[in-house]
C-alpha cells in the first residue's frame, strides 16, 4: 500500500500497526507486527527519518505515529525534491558526457577491426565489456568457429543476453541445439524473418557490427564507442526485438517459437493457474520441481511477467491457454 511512497514492507507493517492500535513500545510494536524487535527497531528508525513517527522520551519510550494525511504528503514532497535534485545532476552529467564525446576524435569513437580472428576477438571484447546486458542480432555468416557462445555460457546469469535470430540462422545444422544451450543459461531469444545487420551491443558502452554486408562480413567489422551512432544502434535493436517472435525451450530441450507453445507448457500453466503447487503439477506431468521452476521462469521472461500472478494474466492476453 505504502511501498510507492518509499516504505519497506517492515516499515509499512509497523506504521499500519501504530495507526490501528495506537502508540507502543518497540517490544509491543514487534508483537503487533509479527516481527522481531531488531527488525522493528530498524523500521522505526526508518520511519522516524521519513517523518512518519516520533519517539517519546524515557522511561516510556513510546513510538507515536504521525497522522498519515500529514506525514505522507510531506514524504512525497521530499521525494519530489530529491528527484528534482537527481534530475538536475543527471542533466549536468549528460552535458559533461556530451562535451567529452564531442571532444573525442572519430578514431576514438570508431575502431576498424580486420580479419576473421580479429572480429572474433572483438566480439569477445564486447561481451567482456557488458556488465548487465548483451543485445545481439544473429544471422549468417559467422566469424566464430563454434555455434555455441562459450563466453555466454561462462558468464551465466551475471549478464542477461537478448538475442534475435533469423529464420536463416535456424536453418544452419546444429544451430537450434546451440540456441537451446544459450536459453538454458538464461538467454531471452526471439525469431525474425530477417535482421538489418549483424550486431552485438554491451549495455550502452560498446557495439560491434560488420563493416560490409556481404559474405565477407565476418572478415571486417566496426567497434562503436558511446556516441550518437551507438544510441541509434541500441534503438535499432529494440525495434527489431519488439517485432520479433519469442522462442521457448520445450520440456524435451528443443527450441520452438512461442506462438507454437507446447502442449506440455499449456498443461503446466493450466495446472498452476488452477492452484496446484510446483510439486503437484510436476508430479501430474512427470516433471521434477526444478524443471517446473525453470519452465515457469522462462515463460515469465518471455511473457515479460514480473510475477507468477502477472504470468497468468499475460498467458490469457497472449492466448496461451485458449
Protein backbone atom coordinates (compact mmCIF):
# COMPACT_ATOMS: atom_id res chain seq x y z
CA UNK A 1 0.00 0.00 0.00
CA UNK A 2 2.71 2.49 1.02
CA UNK A 3 5.71 0.97 -0.78
CA UNK A 4 5.40 3.52 -3.66
CA UNK A 5 6.00 6.21 -1.02
CA UNK A 6 9.36 4.64 -0.24
CA UNK A 7 8.48 2.42 2.75
CA UNK A 8 9.84 -1.08 3.14
CA UNK A 9 7.44 -3.92 3.92
CA UNK A 10 8.51 -3.94 7.59
CA UNK A 11 8.18 -0.15 7.87
CA UNK A 12 4.70 -0.29 6.37
CA UNK A 13 3.66 -3.12 8.70
CA UNK A 14 4.90 -1.21 11.75
CA UNK A 15 3.30 2.08 10.70
CA UNK A 16 -0.08 0.49 9.99
CA UNK A 17 0.01 -1.31 13.35
CA UNK A 18 0.61 2.02 15.08
CA UNK A 19 -2.23 3.72 13.20
CA UNK A 20 -4.69 0.91 14.00
CA UNK A 21 -3.77 0.22 17.63
CA UNK A 22 -2.06 3.39 18.84
CA UNK A 23 1.34 4.21 20.29
CA UNK A 24 3.52 1.39 21.59
CA UNK A 25 6.95 0.48 22.83
CA UNK A 26 9.33 -1.28 20.48
CA UNK A 27 8.58 -4.67 22.04
CA UNK A 28 4.82 -4.10 21.88
CA UNK A 29 5.07 -2.98 18.26
CA UNK A 30 7.14 -6.02 17.35
CA UNK A 31 4.44 -8.29 18.78
CA UNK A 32 1.70 -6.44 16.91
CA UNK A 33 3.53 -6.51 13.58
CA UNK A 34 4.75 -10.10 13.96
CA UNK A 35 8.41 -9.05 13.61
CA UNK A 36 11.48 -9.28 15.78
CA UNK A 37 12.44 -6.37 18.00
CA UNK A 38 15.60 -5.86 15.94
CA UNK A 39 13.55 -5.60 12.74
CA UNK A 40 11.12 -3.16 14.33
CA UNK A 41 13.99 -1.05 15.73
CA UNK A 42 15.40 -0.64 12.21
CA UNK A 43 11.93 0.02 10.80
CA UNK A 44 11.15 2.68 13.41
CA UNK A 45 14.48 4.40 12.65
CA UNK A 46 13.49 4.50 9.01
CA UNK A 47 10.01 5.77 9.78
CA UNK A 48 11.49 8.47 12.02
CA UNK A 49 13.83 9.64 9.25
CA UNK A 50 10.86 9.82 6.89
CA UNK A 51 8.77 11.82 9.36
CA UNK A 52 6.12 9.16 9.91
CA UNK A 53 6.67 8.63 13.66
CA UNK A 54 8.20 10.36 16.67
CA UNK A 55 9.51 8.96 19.95
CA UNK A 56 8.60 9.96 23.49
CA UNK A 57 11.47 10.25 26.00
CA UNK A 58 12.28 7.53 28.58
CA UNK A 59 11.14 5.84 30.69
CA UNK A 60 8.13 5.08 28.47
CA UNK A 61 9.90 5.41 25.12
CA UNK A 62 6.74 5.13 23.05
CA UNK A 63 6.65 5.18 19.27
CA UNK A 64 3.89 7.61 18.21
CA UNK A 65 2.52 7.68 14.64
CA UNK A 66 2.21 10.95 12.74
CA UNK A 67 -1.23 11.23 11.02
CA UNK A 68 -0.88 9.82 7.51
CA UNK A 69 -2.52 12.75 5.70
CA UNK A 70 0.25 14.99 7.05
CA UNK A 71 3.17 12.57 7.02
CA UNK A 72 2.69 11.00 3.59
CA UNK A 73 2.18 14.38 1.91
CA UNK A 74 5.41 15.69 3.43
CA UNK A 75 7.22 12.48 2.49
CA UNK A 76 6.09 12.73 -1.14
CA UNK A 77 7.14 16.38 -1.26
CA UNK A 78 10.61 15.44 0.00
CA UNK A 79 10.84 12.67 -2.60
CA UNK A 80 9.85 15.10 -5.33
CA UNK A 81 12.58 17.48 -4.17
CA UNK A 82 15.12 14.64 -4.19
CA UNK A 83 14.02 13.60 -7.68
CA UNK A 84 14.39 17.19 -8.89
CA UNK A 85 17.93 17.29 -7.50
CA UNK A 86 18.67 13.93 -9.14
CA UNK A 87 17.29 15.19 -12.46
CA UNK A 88 19.50 18.29 -12.27
CA UNK A 89 22.54 16.13 -11.51
CA UNK A 90 21.69 13.82 -14.43
CA UNK A 91 21.38 16.79 -16.78
CA UNK A 92 24.77 18.08 -15.64
CA UNK A 93 26.34 14.64 -16.16
CA UNK A 94 24.72 14.35 -19.59
CA UNK A 95 26.12 17.74 -20.58
CA UNK A 96 29.57 16.74 -19.38
CA UNK A 97 29.30 13.46 -21.30
CA UNK A 98 28.28 15.27 -24.48
CA UNK A 99 31.20 17.65 -24.09
CA UNK A 100 33.60 14.74 -23.54
CA UNK A 101 32.20 12.86 -26.53
CA UNK A 102 32.30 15.94 -28.75
CA UNK A 103 35.98 16.44 -27.90
CA UNK A 104 36.88 12.91 -28.99
CA UNK A 105 38.18 12.25 -32.45
CA UNK A 106 36.45 9.85 -34.83
CA UNK A 107 39.28 7.39 -34.28
CA UNK A 108 38.42 7.28 -30.56
CA UNK A 109 34.72 6.64 -31.21
CA UNK A 110 35.00 4.08 -34.04
CA UNK A 111 37.53 1.28 -34.46
CA UNK A 112 38.00 -0.78 -37.61
CA UNK A 113 38.66 -4.49 -37.00
CA UNK A 114 40.19 -6.61 -39.75
CA UNK A 115 40.43 -10.40 -40.18
CA UNK A 116 38.17 -13.18 -39.01
CA UNK A 117 40.26 -13.77 -35.89
CA UNK A 118 40.23 -10.04 -35.11
CA UNK A 119 36.42 -9.91 -35.47
CA UNK A 120 36.01 -12.93 -33.21
CA UNK A 121 38.25 -11.35 -30.56
CA UNK A 122 36.33 -8.08 -30.87
CA UNK A 123 33.09 -9.97 -30.15
CA UNK A 124 34.69 -11.46 -27.04
CA UNK A 125 35.84 -7.94 -26.05
CA UNK A 126 32.29 -6.60 -26.37
CA UNK A 127 30.97 -9.42 -24.18
CA UNK A 128 33.68 -8.77 -21.58
CA UNK A 129 32.61 -5.10 -21.54
CA UNK A 130 29.00 -5.96 -20.65
CA UNK A 131 28.01 -5.61 -17.02
CA UNK A 132 24.24 -6.12 -17.13
CA UNK A 133 23.06 -6.82 -20.68
CA UNK A 134 24.09 -8.03 -24.14
CA UNK A 135 21.89 -7.29 -27.17
CA UNK A 136 22.61 -9.48 -30.21
CA UNK A 137 21.21 -9.75 -33.76
CA UNK A 138 22.26 -13.11 -35.20
CA UNK A 139 22.38 -14.15 -38.86
CA UNK A 140 24.97 -15.80 -41.16
CA UNK A 141 27.84 -15.51 -41.98
CA UNK A 142 29.72 -16.14 -38.72
CA UNK A 143 33.26 -15.33 -37.62
CA UNK A 144 33.18 -17.85 -34.76
CA UNK A 145 34.09 -21.45 -35.46
CA UNK A 146 31.58 -22.75 -32.89
CA UNK A 147 27.85 -22.06 -32.83
CA UNK A 148 27.81 -22.23 -29.02
CA UNK A 149 28.95 -19.00 -27.36
CA UNK A 150 31.32 -20.24 -24.64
CA UNK A 151 31.74 -16.75 -23.19
CA UNK A 152 27.98 -16.51 -22.71
CA UNK A 153 27.81 -19.91 -21.04
CA UNK A 154 30.63 -18.92 -18.69
CA UNK A 155 29.05 -15.63 -17.62
CA UNK A 156 25.75 -17.36 -16.87
CA UNK A 157 23.14 -15.18 -15.11
CA UNK A 158 25.67 -12.40 -14.47
CA UNK A 159 24.79 -10.78 -17.81
CA UNK A 160 21.37 -11.03 -19.49
CA UNK A 161 21.60 -11.92 -23.19
CA UNK A 162 18.78 -10.84 -25.50
CA UNK A 163 19.17 -12.32 -28.96
CA UNK A 164 17.14 -12.10 -32.17
CA UNK A 165 17.81 -14.93 -34.64
CA UNK A 166 16.82 -15.02 -38.29
CA UNK A 167 14.98 -17.94 -39.84
CA UNK A 168 18.09 -18.44 -42.00
CA UNK A 169 20.22 -18.81 -38.87
CA UNK A 170 17.93 -21.52 -37.51
CA UNK A 171 18.32 -23.49 -40.73
CA UNK A 172 22.05 -23.92 -40.06
CA UNK A 173 22.84 -27.53 -38.97
CA UNK A 174 23.08 -27.78 -35.19
CA UNK A 175 22.11 -24.16 -34.58
CA UNK A 176 18.86 -24.97 -32.77
CA UNK A 177 20.82 -27.08 -30.29
CA UNK A 178 23.24 -24.19 -29.73
CA UNK A 179 20.35 -21.80 -29.05
CA UNK A 180 18.97 -24.33 -26.58
CA UNK A 181 22.27 -24.21 -24.69
CA UNK A 182 22.06 -20.43 -24.54
CA UNK A 183 18.42 -20.37 -23.43
CA UNK A 184 19.18 -22.86 -20.66
CA UNK A 185 21.58 -20.35 -19.07
CA UNK A 186 19.02 -17.54 -19.23
CA UNK A 187 19.13 -16.11 -22.74
CA UNK A 188 15.94 -14.38 -23.93
CA UNK A 189 15.65 -15.46 -27.56
CA UNK A 190 13.40 -14.25 -30.38
CA UNK A 191 12.94 -15.08 -34.06
CA UNK A 192 12.63 -12.67 -37.00
CA UNK A 193 12.32 -13.31 -40.76
CA UNK A 194 15.39 -11.11 -41.28
CA UNK A 195 17.51 -8.52 -39.47
CA UNK A 196 19.04 -5.35 -40.94
CA UNK A 197 22.57 -6.25 -39.81
CA UNK A 198 24.56 -8.49 -37.52
CA UNK A 199 25.00 -6.65 -34.24
CA UNK A 200 26.30 -7.06 -30.70
CA UNK A 201 25.88 -4.34 -28.04
CA UNK A 202 27.25 -4.36 -24.49
CA UNK A 203 24.98 -2.23 -22.27
CA UNK A 204 25.32 1.32 -23.65
CA UNK A 205 29.11 1.18 -23.79
CA UNK A 206 30.31 -0.73 -26.89
CA UNK A 207 28.85 -2.19 -30.10
CA UNK A 208 30.17 -4.40 -32.88
CA UNK A 209 28.71 -4.63 -36.41
CA UNK A 210 30.02 -5.68 -39.83
CA UNK A 211 31.82 -3.13 -41.95
CA UNK A 212 30.22 -4.61 -45.09
CA UNK A 213 27.06 -6.70 -45.54
CA UNK A 214 28.39 -9.45 -47.80
CA UNK A 215 29.72 -12.99 -47.50
CA UNK A 216 32.94 -11.39 -46.21
CA UNK A 217 31.11 -9.68 -43.34
CA UNK A 218 32.94 -11.87 -40.84
CA UNK A 219 36.31 -10.55 -42.09
CA UNK A 220 35.89 -6.85 -41.17
CA UNK A 221 33.85 -5.03 -38.55
CA UNK A 222 33.41 -1.78 -36.67
CA UNK A 223 33.60 -1.22 -32.91
CA UNK A 224 31.47 1.75 -31.83
CA UNK A 225 32.07 3.54 -28.53
CA UNK A 226 29.50 5.78 -26.78
CA UNK A 227 28.20 8.36 -29.28
CA UNK A 228 25.06 9.14 -31.27
CA UNK A 229 25.72 6.17 -33.56
CA UNK A 230 25.73 3.77 -30.58
CA UNK A 231 22.43 5.26 -29.38
CA UNK A 232 20.98 4.66 -32.84
CA UNK A 233 22.17 1.04 -32.83
CA UNK A 234 20.50 0.45 -29.45
CA UNK A 235 17.27 1.90 -30.83
CA UNK A 236 17.60 -0.30 -33.93
CA UNK A 237 17.94 -3.43 -31.81
CA UNK A 238 14.93 -2.54 -29.66
CA UNK A 239 12.81 -2.01 -32.80
CA UNK A 240 13.80 -5.42 -34.20
CA UNK A 241 13.29 -7.05 -30.78
CA UNK A 242 9.77 -5.63 -30.38
CA UNK A 243 8.71 -7.02 -33.77
CA UNK A 244 10.30 -10.47 -33.31
CA UNK A 245 8.52 -13.60 -32.04
CA UNK A 246 9.66 -15.14 -28.73
CA UNK A 247 11.39 -18.51 -28.75
CA UNK A 248 10.81 -21.00 -25.95
CA UNK A 249 12.55 -24.14 -24.70
CA UNK A 250 10.30 -27.18 -24.59
CA UNK A 251 10.38 -29.80 -21.86
CA UNK A 252 12.41 -32.04 -24.18
CA UNK A 253 15.07 -29.35 -24.58
CA UNK A 254 14.03 -28.22 -28.05
CA UNK A 255 13.66 -24.61 -29.16
CA UNK A 256 10.33 -23.59 -30.66
CA UNK A 257 8.60 -20.28 -31.48
CA UNK A 258 6.40 -19.28 -28.56
CA UNK A 259 3.47 -18.94 -30.90
CA UNK A 260 3.78 -22.72 -31.09
CA UNK A 261 3.51 -23.19 -27.34
CA UNK A 262 3.96 -26.85 -26.48
CA UNK A 263 1.10 -28.91 -25.14
CA UNK A 264 3.21 -29.59 -22.06
CA UNK A 265 3.62 -25.87 -21.34
CA UNK A 266 -0.12 -25.32 -21.78
CA UNK A 267 -0.89 -28.13 -19.33
CA UNK A 268 1.68 -26.81 -16.85
CA UNK A 269 0.26 -23.28 -16.96
CA UNK A 270 -3.28 -24.61 -16.62
CA UNK A 271 -2.37 -26.67 -13.55
CA UNK A 272 -0.52 -23.81 -11.85
CA UNK A 273 -3.28 -21.28 -12.58
CA UNK A 274 -5.75 -23.79 -11.15
CA UNK A 275 -3.84 -23.54 -7.86
CA UNK A 276 -1.58 -26.60 -7.92
CA UNK A 277 1.84 -26.39 -6.27
CA UNK A 278 5.02 -26.89 -8.30
CA UNK A 279 5.42 -30.36 -6.81
CA UNK A 280 1.83 -31.40 -7.60
CA UNK A 281 1.92 -30.03 -11.15
CA UNK A 282 5.29 -31.68 -11.76
CA UNK A 283 4.02 -35.00 -10.46
CA UNK A 284 0.98 -34.78 -12.74
CA UNK A 285 3.22 -34.14 -15.79
CA UNK A 286 6.13 -36.37 -14.79
CA UNK A 287 8.46 -33.39 -14.27
CA UNK A 288 10.79 -32.58 -11.39
CA UNK A 289 10.13 -29.49 -9.29
CA UNK A 290 13.37 -28.00 -10.62
CA UNK A 291 12.16 -28.43 -14.19
CA UNK A 292 8.81 -26.84 -13.35
CA UNK A 293 10.52 -23.82 -11.76
CA UNK A 294 12.86 -23.44 -14.75
CA UNK A 295 9.98 -23.66 -17.24
CA UNK A 296 7.90 -21.10 -15.31
CA UNK A 297 10.85 -18.70 -15.00
CA UNK A 298 11.48 -18.91 -18.73
CA UNK A 299 7.80 -18.36 -19.57
CA UNK A 300 7.77 -15.34 -17.25
CA UNK A 301 10.81 -13.90 -19.02
CA UNK A 302 9.36 -14.48 -22.47
CA UNK A 303 5.95 -13.09 -21.48
CA UNK A 304 7.51 -10.06 -19.76
CA UNK A 305 5.91 -11.01 -16.44
CA UNK A 306 7.41 -9.97 -13.11
CA UNK A 307 5.49 -12.48 -11.02
CA UNK A 308 3.52 -15.70 -11.40
CA UNK A 309 0.29 -13.78 -10.94
CA UNK A 310 1.23 -11.49 -13.81
CA UNK A 311 2.22 -14.56 -15.86
CA UNK A 312 -1.37 -15.79 -15.54
CA UNK A 313 -2.69 -12.50 -16.93
CA UNK A 314 -0.10 -12.45 -19.72
CA UNK A 315 -0.89 -16.07 -20.64
CA UNK A 316 -4.53 -15.07 -21.01
CA UNK A 317 -3.66 -11.97 -23.06
CA UNK A 318 -1.33 -13.95 -25.37
CA UNK A 319 -3.91 -16.68 -25.87
CA UNK A 320 -1.62 -19.39 -24.48
CA UNK A 321 -4.49 -21.13 -22.72
CA UNK A 322 -7.20 -20.71 -25.35
